[in-house]
Amino acid sequence: MSIMSESVRIVACPTCKAEVRWEPQSRYRPFCSERCRLIDLGQWASETYRVPAEEDSPPGEAPPTH
């Protein structure tokens, strides 16, 4: 029998860039801590982070021209 070594993926915390092991024991992954997770959540809540979006035209209507 051969034993395969498991490689654990290491990612950077999106907030502070600390190394985080990507495994079930890493409670806040991809963040390193609850503090970094809450900082990120606050950025979304204050609309500092935004996802660009385009408005869809209702069915049957032509898209607006700019």
PDB file of N, CA and C in Angstrom:
ATOM      1  N   MET A   1       0.832  -1.184   0.000  1.00  0.00           N
ATOM      2  CA  MET A   1       0.000   0.000   0.000  1.00  0.00           C
ATOM      3  C   MET A   1       0.878   1.248   0.000  1.00  0.00           C
ATOM      4  N   SER A   2       0.507   2.189  -0.789  1.00  0.00           N
ATOM      5  CA  SER A   2       1.241   3.442  -0.773  1.00  0.00           C
ATOM      6  C   SER A   2       0.368   4.515  -0.134  1.00  0.00           C
ATOM      7  N   ILE A   3       0.986   5.328   0.636  1.00  0.00           N
ATOM      8  CA  ILE A   3       0.264   6.424   1.297  1.00  0.00           C
ATOM      9  C   ILE A   3       0.508   7.689   0.490  1.00  0.00           C
ATOM     10  N   MET A   4      -0.592   8.289   0.056  1.00  0.00           N
ATOM     11  CA  MET A   4      -0.486   9.521  -0.719  1.00  0.00           C
ATOM     12  C   MET A   4      -0.495  10.697   0.252  1.00  0.00           C
ATOM     13  N   SER A   5       0.435  11.582   0.065  1.00  0.00           N
ATOM     14  CA  SER A   5       0.444  12.754   0.922  1.00  0.00           C
ATOM     15  C   SER A   5      -0.602  13.739   0.427  1.00  0.00           C
ATOM     16  N   GLU A   6      -1.371  14.225   1.362  1.00  0.00           N
ATOM     17  CA  GLU A   6      -2.397  15.200   1.012  1.00  0.00           C
ATOM     18  C   GLU A   6      -1.769  16.586   0.989  1.00  0.00           C
ATOM     19  N   SER A   7      -1.995  17.291  -0.093  1.00  0.00           N
ATOM     20  CA  SER A   7      -1.512  18.666  -0.133  1.00  0.00           C
ATOM     21  C   SER A   7      -2.687  19.580   0.188  1.00  0.00           C
ATOM     22  N   VAL A   8      -2.465  20.473   1.090  1.00  0.00           N
ATOM     23  CA  VAL A   8      -3.506  21.412   1.506  1.00  0.00           C
ATOM     24  C   VAL A   8      -3.293  22.701   0.738  1.00  0.00           C
ATOM     25  N   ARG A   9      -4.342  23.168   0.130  1.00  0.00           N
ATOM     26  CA  ARG A   9      -4.279  24.421  -0.623  1.00  0.00           C
ATOM     27  C   ARG A   9      -4.125  25.585   0.349  1.00  0.00           C
ATOM     28  N   ILE A  10      -3.226  26.489   0.027  1.00  0.00           N
ATOM     29  CA  ILE A  10      -3.018  27.698   0.824  1.00  0.00           C
ATOM     30  C   ILE A  10      -3.518  28.887  -0.007  1.00  0.00           C
ATOM     31  N   VAL A  11      -4.376  29.699   0.588  1.00  0.00           N
ATOM     32  CA  VAL A  11      -4.897  30.887  -0.088  1.00  0.00           C
ATOM     33  C   VAL A  11      -4.560  32.117   0.745  1.00  0.00           C
ATOM     34  N   ALA A  12      -4.605  33.267   0.133  1.00  0.00           N
ATOM     35  CA  ALA A  12      -4.364  34.528   0.839  1.00  0.00           C
ATOM     36  C   ALA A  12      -5.695  35.074   1.352  1.00  0.00           C
ATOM     37  N   CYS A  13      -5.709  35.494   2.594  1.00  0.00           N
ATOM     38  CA  CYS A  13      -6.895  36.136   3.171  1.00  0.00           C
ATOM     39  C   CYS A  13      -7.204  37.369   2.317  1.00  0.00           C
ATOM     40  N   PRO A  14      -8.451  37.510   1.836  1.00  0.00           N
ATOM     41  CA  PRO A  14      -8.784  38.661   0.997  1.00  0.00           C
ATOM     42  C   PRO A  14      -8.598  40.010   1.693  1.00  0.00           C
ATOM     43  N   THR A  15      -8.642  40.036   3.009  1.00  0.00           N
ATOM     44  CA  THR A  15      -8.537  41.287   3.748  1.00  0.00           C
ATOM     45  C   THR A  15      -7.102  41.651   4.083  1.00  0.00           C
ATOM     46  N   CYS A  16      -6.374  40.725   4.731  1.00  0.00           N
ATOM     47  CA  CYS A  16      -5.030  41.067   5.218  1.00  0.00           C
ATOM     48  C   CYS A  16      -3.907  40.337   4.493  1.00  0.00           C
ATOM     49  N   LYS A  17      -4.259  39.451   3.591  1.00  0.00           N
ATOM     50  CA  LYS A  17      -3.301  38.685   2.770  1.00  0.00           C
ATOM     51  C   LYS A  17      -2.517  37.631   3.554  1.00  0.00           C
ATOM     52  N   ALA A  18      -2.896  37.307   4.785  1.00  0.00           N
ATOM     53  CA  ALA A  18      -2.240  36.239   5.552  1.00  0.00           C
ATOM     54  C   ALA A  18      -2.539  34.899   4.882  1.00  0.00           C
ATOM     55  N   GLU A  19      -1.666  33.930   5.057  1.00  0.00           N
ATOM     56  CA  GLU A  19      -1.885  32.607   4.487  1.00  0.00           C
ATOM     57  C   GLU A  19      -2.959  31.865   5.276  1.00  0.00           C
ATOM     58  N   VAL A  20      -3.887  31.234   4.539  1.00  0.00           N
ATOM     59  CA  VAL A  20      -4.984  30.487   5.144  1.00  0.00           C
ATOM     60  C   VAL A  20      -5.008  29.102   4.515  1.00  0.00           C
ATOM     61  N   ARG A  21      -5.051  28.075   5.353  1.00  0.00           N
ATOM     62  CA  ARG A  21      -5.161  26.712   4.849  1.00  0.00           C
ATOM     63  C   ARG A  21      -6.614  26.465   4.452  1.00  0.00           C
ATOM     64  N   TRP A  22      -6.836  25.972   3.215  1.00  0.00           N
ATOM     65  CA  TRP A  22      -8.187  25.719   2.710  1.00  0.00           C
ATOM     66  C   TRP A  22      -8.556  24.286   3.079  1.00  0.00           C
ATOM     67  N   GLU A  23      -9.128  24.140   4.270  1.00  0.00           N
ATOM     68  CA  GLU A  23      -9.541  22.838   4.774  1.00  0.00           C
ATOM     69  C   GLU A  23     -10.698  23.035   5.742  1.00  0.00           C
ATOM     70  N   PRO A  24     -11.452  21.977   6.029  1.00  0.00           N
ATOM     71  CA  PRO A  24     -12.626  22.117   6.899  1.00  0.00           C
ATOM     72  C   PRO A  24     -12.316  22.716   8.267  1.00  0.00           C
ATOM     73  N   GLN A  25     -11.118  22.509   8.794  1.00  0.00           N
ATOM     74  CA  GLN A  25     -10.773  23.054  10.098  1.00  0.00           C
ATOM     75  C   GLN A  25     -10.578  24.567  10.075  1.00  0.00           C
ATOM     76  N   SER A  26     -10.418  25.138   8.895  1.00  0.00           N
ATOM     77  CA  SER A  26     -10.241  26.596   8.764  1.00  0.00           C
ATOM     78  C   SER A  26     -11.633  27.235   8.793  1.00  0.00           C
ATOM     79  N   ARG A  27     -12.057  27.588   9.971  1.00  0.00           N
ATOM     80  CA  ARG A  27     -13.431  28.012  10.225  1.00  0.00           C
ATOM     81  C   ARG A  27     -13.885  29.214   9.380  1.00  0.00           C
ATOM     82  N   TYR A  28     -13.013  30.172   9.136  1.00  0.00           N
ATOM     83  CA  TYR A  28     -13.429  31.414   8.464  1.00  0.00           C
ATOM     84  C   TYR A  28     -12.977  31.490   7.014  1.00  0.00           C
ATOM     85  N   ARG A  29     -12.502  30.383   6.442  1.00  0.00           N
ATOM     86  CA  ARG A  29     -11.942  30.429   5.094  1.00  0.00           C
ATOM     87  C   ARG A  29     -12.896  31.100   4.127  1.00  0.00           C
ATOM     88  N   PRO A  30     -12.484  31.910   3.217  1.00  0.00           N
ATOM     89  CA  PRO A  30     -11.111  32.189   2.841  1.00  0.00           C
ATOM     90  C   PRO A  30     -10.434  33.227   3.734  1.00  0.00           C
ATOM     91  N   PHE A  31     -11.124  33.683   4.775  1.00  0.00           N
ATOM     92  CA  PHE A  31     -10.544  34.679   5.668  1.00  0.00           C
ATOM     93  C   PHE A  31      -9.734  33.987   6.752  1.00  0.00           C
ATOM     94  N   CYS A  32      -8.787  34.707   7.348  1.00  0.00           N
ATOM     95  CA  CYS A  32      -7.946  34.124   8.397  1.00  0.00           C
ATOM     96  C   CYS A  32      -8.624  34.183   9.765  1.00  0.00           C
ATOM     97  N   SER A  33      -9.598  35.083   9.921  1.00  0.00           N
ATOM     98  CA  SER A  33     -10.234  35.258  11.229  1.00  0.00           C
ATOM     99  C   SER A  33     -11.620  35.867  11.064  1.00  0.00           C
ATOM    100  N   GLU A  34     -12.372  35.837  12.150  1.00  0.00           N
ATOM    101  CA  GLU A  34     -13.692  36.474  12.128  1.00  0.00           C
ATOM    102  C   GLU A  34     -13.548  37.971  11.886  1.00  0.00           C
ATOM    103  N   ARG A  35     -12.511  38.580  12.432  1.00  0.00           N
ATOM    104  CA  ARG A  35     -12.280  40.017  12.253  1.00  0.00           C
ATOM    105  C   ARG A  35     -12.174  40.362  10.763  1.00  0.00           C
ATOM    106  N   CYS A  36     -11.349  39.616  10.026  1.00  0.00           N
ATOM    107  CA  CYS A  36     -11.196  39.894   8.592  1.00  0.00           C
ATOM    108  C   CYS A  36     -12.498  39.634   7.839  1.00  0.00           C
ATOM    109  N   ARG A  37     -13.248  38.606   8.253  1.00  0.00           N
ATOM    110  CA  ARG A  37     -14.534  38.313   7.614  1.00  0.00           C
ATOM    111  C   ARG A  37     -15.504  39.466   7.824  1.00  0.00           C
ATOM    112  N   LEU A  38     -15.540  40.022   9.035  1.00  0.00           N
ATOM    113  CA  LEU A  38     -16.450  41.132   9.330  1.00  0.00           C
ATOM    114  C   LEU A  38     -16.022  42.424   8.634  1.00  0.00           C
ATOM    115  N   ILE A  39     -14.739  42.642   8.492  1.00  0.00           N
ATOM    116  CA  ILE A  39     -14.263  43.818   7.751  1.00  0.00           C
ATOM    117  C   ILE A  39     -14.766  43.739   6.309  1.00  0.00           C
ATOM    118  N   ASP A  40     -14.642  42.556   5.692  1.00  0.00           N
ATOM    119  CA  ASP A  40     -15.104  42.374   4.312  1.00  0.00           C
ATOM    120  C   ASP A  40     -16.615  42.580   4.217  1.00  0.00           C
ATOM    121  N   LEU A  41     -17.366  42.009   5.155  1.00  0.00           N
ATOM    122  CA  LEU A  41     -18.820  42.176   5.165  1.00  0.00           C
ATOM    123  C   LEU A  41     -19.197  43.654   5.274  1.00  0.00           C
ATOM    124  N   GLY A  42     -18.471  44.386   6.108  1.00  0.00           N
ATOM    125  CA  GLY A  42     -18.720  45.820   6.260  1.00  0.00           C
ATOM    126  C   GLY A  42     -18.477  46.589   4.975  1.00  0.00           C
ATOM    127  N   GLN A  43     -17.478  46.166   4.197  1.00  0.00           N
ATOM    128  CA  GLN A  43     -17.208  46.821   2.914  1.00  0.00           C
ATOM    129  C   GLN A  43     -18.390  46.639   1.957  1.00  0.00           C
ATOM    130  N   TRP A  44     -18.977  45.440   1.949  1.00  0.00           N
ATOM    131  CA  TRP A  44     -20.154  45.204   1.103  1.00  0.00           C
ATOM    132  C   TRP A  44     -21.354  46.000   1.625  1.00  0.00           C
ATOM    133  N   ALA A  45     -21.545  46.015   2.945  1.00  0.00           N
ATOM    134  CA  ALA A  45     -22.704  46.702   3.537  1.00  0.00           C
ATOM    135  C   ALA A  45     -22.656  48.208   3.303  1.00  0.00           C
ATOM    136  N   SER A  46     -21.442  48.782   3.295  1.00  0.00           N
ATOM    137  CA  SER A  46     -21.314  50.218   3.069  1.00  0.00           C
ATOM    138  C   SER A  46     -21.237  50.566   1.580  1.00  0.00           C
ATOM    139  N   GLU A  47     -21.377  49.541   0.739  1.00  0.00           N
ATOM    140  CA  GLU A  47     -21.330  49.675  -0.719  1.00  0.00           C
ATOM    141  C   GLU A  47     -19.982  50.154  -1.230  1.00  0.00           C
ATOM    142  N   THR A  48     -18.910  49.905  -0.457  1.00  0.00           N
ATOM    143  CA  THR A  48     -17.562  50.172  -0.950  1.00  0.00           C
ATOM    144  C   THR A  48     -17.250  49.186  -2.071  1.00  0.00           C
ATOM    145  N   TYR A  49     -17.686  47.935  -1.886  1.00  0.00           N
ATOM    146  CA  TYR A  49     -17.571  46.917  -2.932  1.00  0.00           C
ATOM    147  C   TYR A  49     -18.881  46.901  -3.695  1.00  0.00           C
ATOM    148  N   ARG A  50     -18.788  46.795  -5.007  1.00  0.00           N
ATOM    149  CA  ARG A  50     -19.998  46.752  -5.831  1.00  0.00           C
ATOM    150  C   ARG A  50     -19.795  45.783  -6.976  1.00  0.00           C
ATOM    151  N   VAL A  51     -20.869  45.182  -7.411  1.00  0.00           N
ATOM    152  CA  VAL A  51     -20.846  44.309  -8.569  1.00  0.00           C
ATOM    153  C   VAL A  51     -21.507  45.072  -9.702  1.00  0.00           C
ATOM    154  N   PRO A  52     -20.787  45.281 -10.812  1.00  0.00           N
ATOM    155  CA  PRO A  52     -21.400  46.025 -11.913  1.00  0.00           C
ATOM    156  C   PRO A  52     -22.576  45.248 -12.496  1.00  0.00           C
ATOM    157  N   ALA A  53     -23.598  45.965 -12.871  1.00  0.00           N
ATOM    158  CA  ALA A  53     -24.788  45.338 -13.435  1.00  0.00           C
ATOM    159  C   ALA A  53     -25.372  46.232 -14.510  1.00  0.00           C
ATOM    160  N   GLU A  54     -26.018  45.599 -15.451  1.00  0.00           N
ATOM    161  CA  GLU A  54     -26.744  46.330 -16.484  1.00  0.00           C
ATOM    162  C   GLU A  54     -28.218  46.055 -16.290  1.00  0.00           C
ATOM    163  N   GLU A  55     -29.028  47.083 -16.471  1.00  0.00           N
ATOM    164  CA  GLU A  55     -30.464  46.888 -16.337  1.00  0.00           C
ATOM    165  C   GLU A  55     -30.979  46.140 -17.543  1.00  0.00           C
ATOM    166  N   ASP A  56     -31.833  45.165 -17.286  1.00  0.00           N
ATOM    167  CA  ASP A  56     -32.457  44.413 -18.368  1.00  0.00           C
ATOM    168  C   ASP A  56     -33.728  45.131 -18.799  1.00  0.00           C
ATOM    169  N   SER A  57     -33.999  45.094 -20.096  1.00  0.00           N
ATOM    170  CA  SER A  57     -35.250  45.659 -20.594  1.00  0.00           C
ATOM    171  C   SER A  57     -36.348  44.639 -20.393  1.00  0.00           C
ATOM    172  N   PRO A  58     -37.547  45.094 -20.059  1.00  0.00           N
ATOM    173  CA  PRO A  58     -38.673  44.147 -19.954  1.00  0.00           C
ATOM    174  C   PRO A  58     -38.878  43.436 -21.286  1.00  0.00           C
ATOM    175  N   PRO A  59     -39.371  42.200 -21.272  1.00  0.00           N
ATOM    176  CA  PRO A  59     -39.605  41.477 -22.524  1.00  0.00           C
ATOM    177  C   PRO A  59     -40.484  42.280 -23.490  1.00  0.00           C
ATOM    178  N   GLY A  60     -40.112  42.293 -24.743  1.00  0.00           N
ATOM    179  CA  GLY A  60     -40.882  42.998 -25.746  1.00  0.00           C
ATOM    180  C   GLY A  60     -40.490  44.450 -25.944  1.00  0.00           C
ATOM    181  N   GLU A  61     -39.645  45.007 -25.114  1.00  0.00           N
ATOM    182  CA  GLU A  61     -39.195  46.383 -25.257  1.00  0.00           C
ATOM    183  C   GLU A  61     -37.775  46.411 -25.787  1.00  0.00           C
ATOM    184  N   ALA A  62     -37.500  47.414 -26.580  1.00  0.00           N
ATOM    185  CA  ALA A  62     -36.163  47.586 -27.126  1.00  0.00           C
ATOM    186  C   ALA A  62     -35.240  48.121 -26.032  1.00  0.00           C
ATOM    187  N   PRO A  63     -33.990  47.707 -26.037  1.00  0.00           N
ATOM    188  CA  PRO A  63     -33.059  48.247 -25.035  1.00  0.00           C
ATOM    189  C   PRO A  63     -32.863  49.744 -25.239  1.00  0.00           C
ATOM    190  N   PRO A  64     -32.627  50.508 -24.168  1.00  0.00           N
ATOM    191  CA  PRO A  64     -32.432  51.944 -24.310  1.00  0.00           C
ATOM    192  C   PRO A  64     -31.169  52.247 -25.086  1.00  0.00           C
ATOM    193  N   THR A  65     -31.225  53.319 -25.875  1.00  0.00           N
ATOM    194  CA  THR A  65     -30.044  53.744 -26.614  1.00  0.00           C
ATOM    195  C   THR A  65     -29.431  54.932 -25.891  1.00  0.00           C
ATOM    196  N   HIS A  66     -28.122  54.944 -25.839  1.00  0.00           N
ATOM    197  CA  HIS A  66     -27.429  56.025 -25.120  1.00  0.00           C
ATOM    198  C   HIS A  66     -26.790  56.963 -26.067  1.00  0.00           C
TER     199      HIS A  66
END
